[in-house]
C-alpha atoms as a PDB file:
ATOM      1  CA  UNK A   1       0.000   0.000   0.000  1.00  0.00           C
ATOM      2  CA  UNK A   2       2.869   2.369   0.745  1.00  0.00           C
ATOM      3  CA  UNK A   3       4.207   2.131  -2.822  1.00  0.00           C
ATOM      4  CA  UNK A   4       0.809   2.539  -4.479  1.00  0.00           C
ATOM      5  CA  UNK A   5      -1.014   5.193  -2.479  1.00  0.00           C
ATOM      6  CA  UNK A   6      -0.311   8.893  -2.706  1.00  0.00           C
ATOM      7  CA  UNK A   7      -0.372  10.936   0.516  1.00  0.00           C
ATOM      8  CA  UNK A   8      -3.989  11.191   1.646  1.00  0.00           C
ATOM      9  CA  UNK A   9      -4.894   7.926  -0.130  1.00  0.00           C
ATOM     10  CA  UNK A  10      -7.032   5.417   1.760  1.00  0.00           C
ATOM     11  CA  UNK A  11      -6.766   1.637   2.084  1.00  0.00           C
ATOM     12  CA  UNK A  12      -9.134  -0.805   3.838  1.00  0.00           C
ATOM     13  CA  UNK A  13      -7.740  -3.981   5.405  1.00  0.00           C
ATOM     14  CA  UNK A  14      -9.713  -6.945   6.743  1.00  0.00           C
ATOM     15  CA  UNK A  15      -8.126  -8.048  10.024  1.00  0.00           C
ATOM     16  CA  UNK A  16      -8.864 -10.910  12.378  1.00  0.00           C
ATOM     17  CA  UNK A  17      -8.289 -11.586  16.041  1.00  0.00           C
ATOM     18  CA  UNK A  18      -8.009 -14.794  18.057  1.00  0.00           C
ATOM     19  CA  UNK A  19     -11.125 -16.943  17.776  1.00  0.00           C
ATOM     20  CA  UNK A  20     -13.555 -17.012  20.680  1.00  0.00           C
ATOM     21  CA  UNK A  21     -14.272 -20.635  21.549  1.00  0.00           C
ATOM     22  CA  UNK A  22     -17.626 -20.936  23.274  1.00  0.00           C
ATOM     23  CA  UNK A  23     -17.917 -23.394  26.172  1.00  0.00           C
ATOM     24  CA  UNK A  24     -14.179 -23.194  26.822  1.00  0.00           C
ATOM     25  CA  UNK A  25     -13.395 -19.641  25.691  1.00  0.00           C
ATOM     26  CA  UNK A  26     -12.222 -18.498  29.103  1.00  0.00           C
ATOM     27  CA  UNK A  27     -10.001 -21.551  29.384  1.00  0.00           C
ATOM     28  CA  UNK A  28      -8.526 -21.208  25.895  1.00  0.00           C
ATOM     29  CA  UNK A  29      -8.060 -17.428  26.108  1.00  0.00           C
ATOM     30  CA  UNK A  30      -6.419 -17.711  29.521  1.00  0.00           C
ATOM     31  CA  UNK A  31      -4.082 -20.418  28.205  1.00  0.00           C
ATOM     32  CA  UNK A  32      -3.138 -18.409  25.106  1.00  0.00           C
ATOM     33  CA  UNK A  33      -2.573 -15.199  27.073  1.00  0.00           C
ATOM     34  CA  UNK A  34      -0.736 -16.738  30.046  1.00  0.00           C
ATOM     35  CA  UNK A  35       1.135 -19.677  28.502  1.00  0.00           C
ATOM     36  CA  UNK A  36       1.662 -18.768  24.836  1.00  0.00           C
ATOM     37  CA  UNK A  37       1.491 -14.987  25.148  1.00  0.00           C
ATOM     38  CA  UNK A  38       4.980 -14.585  26.587  1.00  0.00           C
ATOM     39  CA  UNK A  39       6.344 -16.364  23.492  1.00  0.00           C
ATOM     40  CA  UNK A  40       4.300 -14.414  20.982  1.00  0.00           C
ATOM     41  CA  UNK A  41       3.977 -10.668  20.664  1.00  0.00           C
ATOM     42  CA  UNK A  42       0.892 -11.016  18.463  1.00  0.00           C
ATOM     43  CA  UNK A  43      -1.060 -13.215  20.871  1.00  0.00           C
ATOM     44  CA  UNK A  44      -0.099 -11.203  23.945  1.00  0.00           C
ATOM     45  CA  UNK A  45      -2.263  -8.408  22.539  1.00  0.00           C
ATOM     46  CA  UNK A  46      -6.020  -8.624  22.461  1.00  0.00           C
ATOM     47  CA  UNK A  47      -6.597  -5.959  19.836  1.00  0.00           C
ATOM     48  CA  UNK A  48      -5.595  -5.038  16.317  1.00  0.00           C
ATOM     49  CA  UNK A  49      -2.426  -3.071  17.100  1.00  0.00           C
ATOM     50  CA  UNK A  50      -0.390  -5.648  15.189  1.00  0.00           C
ATOM     51  CA  UNK A  51      -1.841  -4.308  11.917  1.00  0.00           C
ATOM     52  CA  UNK A  52      -1.425  -0.727  13.083  1.00  0.00           C
ATOM     53  CA  UNK A  53       2.310  -1.338  13.651  1.00  0.00           C
ATOM     54  CA  UNK A  54       2.659  -2.904  10.206  1.00  0.00           C
ATOM     55  CA  UNK A  55       1.640   0.401   8.600  1.00  0.00           C
ATOM     56  CA  UNK A  56       3.590   3.099  10.476  1.00  0.00           C
ATOM     57  CA  UNK A  57       3.274   5.635   7.639  1.00  0.00           C
ATOM     58  CA  UNK A  58      -0.514   5.397   7.820  1.00  0.00           C
ATOM     59  CA  UNK A  59      -3.047   7.002  10.125  1.00  0.00           C
ATOM     60  CA  UNK A  60      -5.809   4.734  11.443  1.00  0.00           C
ATOM     61  CA  UNK A  61      -9.070   6.465  10.439  1.00  0.00           C
ATOM     62  CA  UNK A  62     -11.357   3.500  11.088  1.00  0.00           C
ATOM     63  CA  UNK A  63     -13.594   5.431  13.497  1.00  0.00           C
ATOM     64  CA  UNK A  64     -13.998   8.304  11.040  1.00  0.00           C
ATOM     65  CA  UNK A  65     -15.142   5.917   8.317  1.00  0.00           C
ATOM     66  CA  UNK A  66     -17.681   3.953  10.411  1.00  0.00           C
ATOM     67  CA  UNK A  67     -15.984   0.703   9.421  1.00  0.00           C
ATOM     68  CA  UNK A  68     -17.655  -2.505  10.499  1.00  0.00           C
ATOM     69  CA  UNK A  69     -16.820  -5.525  12.590  1.00  0.00           C
ATOM     70  CA  UNK A  70     -18.020  -9.005  11.674  1.00  0.00           C
ATOM     71  CA  UNK A  71     -18.125 -12.400  13.334  1.00  0.00           C
ATOM     72  CA  UNK A  72     -18.236 -15.735  11.542  1.00  0.00           C
ATOM     73  CA  UNK A  73     -19.414 -18.686  13.635  1.00  0.00           C
ATOM     74  CA  UNK A  74     -18.647 -22.332  13.071  1.00  0.00           C
ATOM     75  CA  UNK A  75     -19.251 -25.591  14.918  1.00  0.00           C
ATOM     76  CA  UNK A  76     -16.038 -27.567  15.433  1.00  0.00           C
ATOM     77  CA  UNK A  77     -14.913 -30.582  17.348  1.00  0.00           C
ATOM     78  CA  UNK A  78     -12.892 -29.627  20.388  1.00  0.00           C
ATOM     79  CA  UNK A  79     -10.050 -31.810  19.071  1.00  0.00           C
ATOM     80  CA  UNK A  80      -9.803 -29.525  15.988  1.00  0.00           C
ATOM     81  CA  UNK A  81      -9.678 -26.467  18.229  1.00  0.00           C
ATOM     82  CA  UNK A  82      -6.868 -28.029  20.241  1.00  0.00           C
ATOM     83  CA  UNK A  83      -4.994 -28.701  16.989  1.00  0.00           C
ATOM     84  CA  UNK A  84      -5.389 -25.026  16.033  1.00  0.00           C
ATOM     85  CA  UNK A  85      -3.586 -23.994  19.213  1.00  0.00           C
ATOM     86  CA  UNK A  86      -0.441 -25.730  17.896  1.00  0.00           C
ATOM     87  CA  UNK A  87      -0.475 -23.435  14.849  1.00  0.00           C
ATOM     88  CA  UNK A  88      -0.288 -20.207  16.864  1.00  0.00           C
ATOM     89  CA  UNK A  89       2.973 -18.315  16.726  1.00  0.00           C
ATOM     90  CA  UNK A  90       3.872 -18.835  20.376  1.00  0.00           C
ATOM     91  CA  UNK A  91       3.265 -22.595  20.415  1.00  0.00           C
ATOM     92  CA  UNK A  92       6.565 -23.600  18.779  1.00  0.00           C
ATOM     93  CA  UNK A  93       8.655 -21.833  21.412  1.00  0.00           C
ATOM     94  CA  UNK A  94       6.316 -23.119  24.135  1.00  0.00           C
ATOM     95  CA  UNK A  95       6.923 -26.676  22.915  1.00  0.00           C
ATOM     96  CA  UNK A  96      10.694 -26.197  22.772  1.00  0.00           C
ATOM     97  CA  UNK A  97      10.764 -24.962  26.362  1.00  0.00           C
ATOM     98  CA  UNK A  98       8.225 -27.330  27.918  1.00  0.00           C
ATOM     99  CA  UNK A  99       8.823 -30.406  25.729  1.00  0.00           C
ATOM    100  CA  UNK A 100       5.036 -30.717  25.340  1.00  0.00           C
ATOM    101  CA  UNK A 101       2.704 -29.540  22.606  1.00  0.00           C
ATOM    102  CA  UNK A 102       0.457 -26.671  23.589  1.00  0.00           C
ATOM    103  CA  UNK A 103      -2.564 -28.732  22.526  1.00  0.00           C
ATOM    104  CA  UNK A 104      -1.608 -31.514  24.964  1.00  0.00           C
ATOM    105  CA  UNK A 105      -1.350 -29.133  27.900  1.00  0.00           C
ATOM    106  CA  UNK A 106      -4.583 -27.332  26.986  1.00  0.00           C
ATOM    107  CA  UNK A 107      -6.253 -30.692  26.341  1.00  0.00           C
ATOM    108  CA  UNK A 108      -5.469 -31.772  29.901  1.00  0.00           C
ATOM    109  CA  UNK A 109      -6.979 -28.535  31.235  1.00  0.00           C
ATOM    110  CA  UNK A 110     -10.118 -28.953  29.093  1.00  0.00           C
ATOM    111  CA  UNK A 111     -10.541 -32.588  30.177  1.00  0.00           C
ATOM    112  CA  UNK A 112     -10.427 -31.454  33.797  1.00  0.00           C
ATOM    113  CA  UNK A 113     -13.418 -29.226  32.990  1.00  0.00           C
ATOM    114  CA  UNK A 114     -15.387 -32.286  31.863  1.00  0.00           C
ATOM    115  CA  UNK A 115     -15.187 -31.809  28.090  1.00  0.00           C
ATOM    116  CA  UNK A 116     -14.068 -34.502  25.657  1.00  0.00           C
ATOM    117  CA  UNK A 117     -12.102 -34.078  22.389  1.00  0.00           C
ATOM    118  CA  UNK A 118     -15.124 -35.277  20.366  1.00  0.00           C
ATOM    119  CA  UNK A 119     -17.431 -32.650  21.914  1.00  0.00           C
ATOM    120  CA  UNK A 120     -18.664 -29.927  19.546  1.00  0.00           C
ATOM    121  CA  UNK A 121     -18.055 -26.294  20.428  1.00  0.00           C
ATOM    122  CA  UNK A 122     -18.961 -23.038  18.695  1.00  0.00           C
ATOM    123  CA  UNK A 123     -16.030 -20.990  17.432  1.00  0.00           C
ATOM    124  CA  UNK A 124     -16.555 -17.302  16.671  1.00  0.00           C
ATOM    125  CA  UNK A 125     -13.991 -15.661  14.386  1.00  0.00           C
ATOM    126  CA  UNK A 126     -13.921 -11.870  14.864  1.00  0.00           C
ATOM    127  CA  UNK A 127     -13.089  -9.728  11.839  1.00  0.00           C
ATOM    128  CA  UNK A 128     -12.761  -5.980  11.612  1.00  0.00           C
ATOM    129  CA  UNK A 129     -12.369  -3.677   8.662  1.00  0.00           C
ATOM    130  CA  UNK A 130      -9.544  -1.248   9.407  1.00  0.00           C
ATOM    131  CA  UNK A 131      -9.206   1.901   7.285  1.00  0.00           C
ATOM    132  CA  UNK A 132      -5.901   3.745   6.964  1.00  0.00           C
ATOM    133  CA  UNK A 133      -4.954   7.022   5.303  1.00  0.00           C
ATOM    134  CA  UNK A 134      -1.409   7.457   4.037  1.00  0.00           C
ATOM    135  CA  UNK A 135       0.350  10.307   5.816  1.00  0.00           C
ATOM    136  CA  UNK A 136       2.105  13.014   3.867  1.00  0.00           C
ATOM    137  CA  UNK A 137       5.891  12.764   3.766  1.00  0.00           C
ATOM    138  CA  UNK A 138       6.186  15.632   6.219  1.00  0.00           C
ATOM    139  CA  UNK A 139       3.799  13.950   8.664  1.00  0.00           C
ATOM    140  CA  UNK A 140       0.780  16.077   7.689  1.00  0.00           C
ATOM    141  CA  UNK A 141      -2.275  15.015   5.676  1.00  0.00           C
END
């Protein structure tokens, strides 16, 4: 976008955040934030600042543009959700340091709560349209 837009030009970007897993969302979010978060800058944050940092020459004008947020919902087996945890950016370092996959550790926690891997849970995927305006070279619009 930086090479294409002139100062004052606008670009819209569809961003996503960590999924919200119903039935175990508190458990999964707590695990990601407390156990994987220290290994992953992106997952330690619960907002869209990751995208904002990727475009430092752009001003976030999302609120001015009345951009929308969306949520897609899907039913998934808990086992699939546990497998997703192993794809997060902090899970590789977590595994190297603990010698266990993140999904195994989280699976033990979920089992203690009475859920089984074959149980179906609802997963909500939050999306937000972010709108940026390219700043002028001198920092003005």
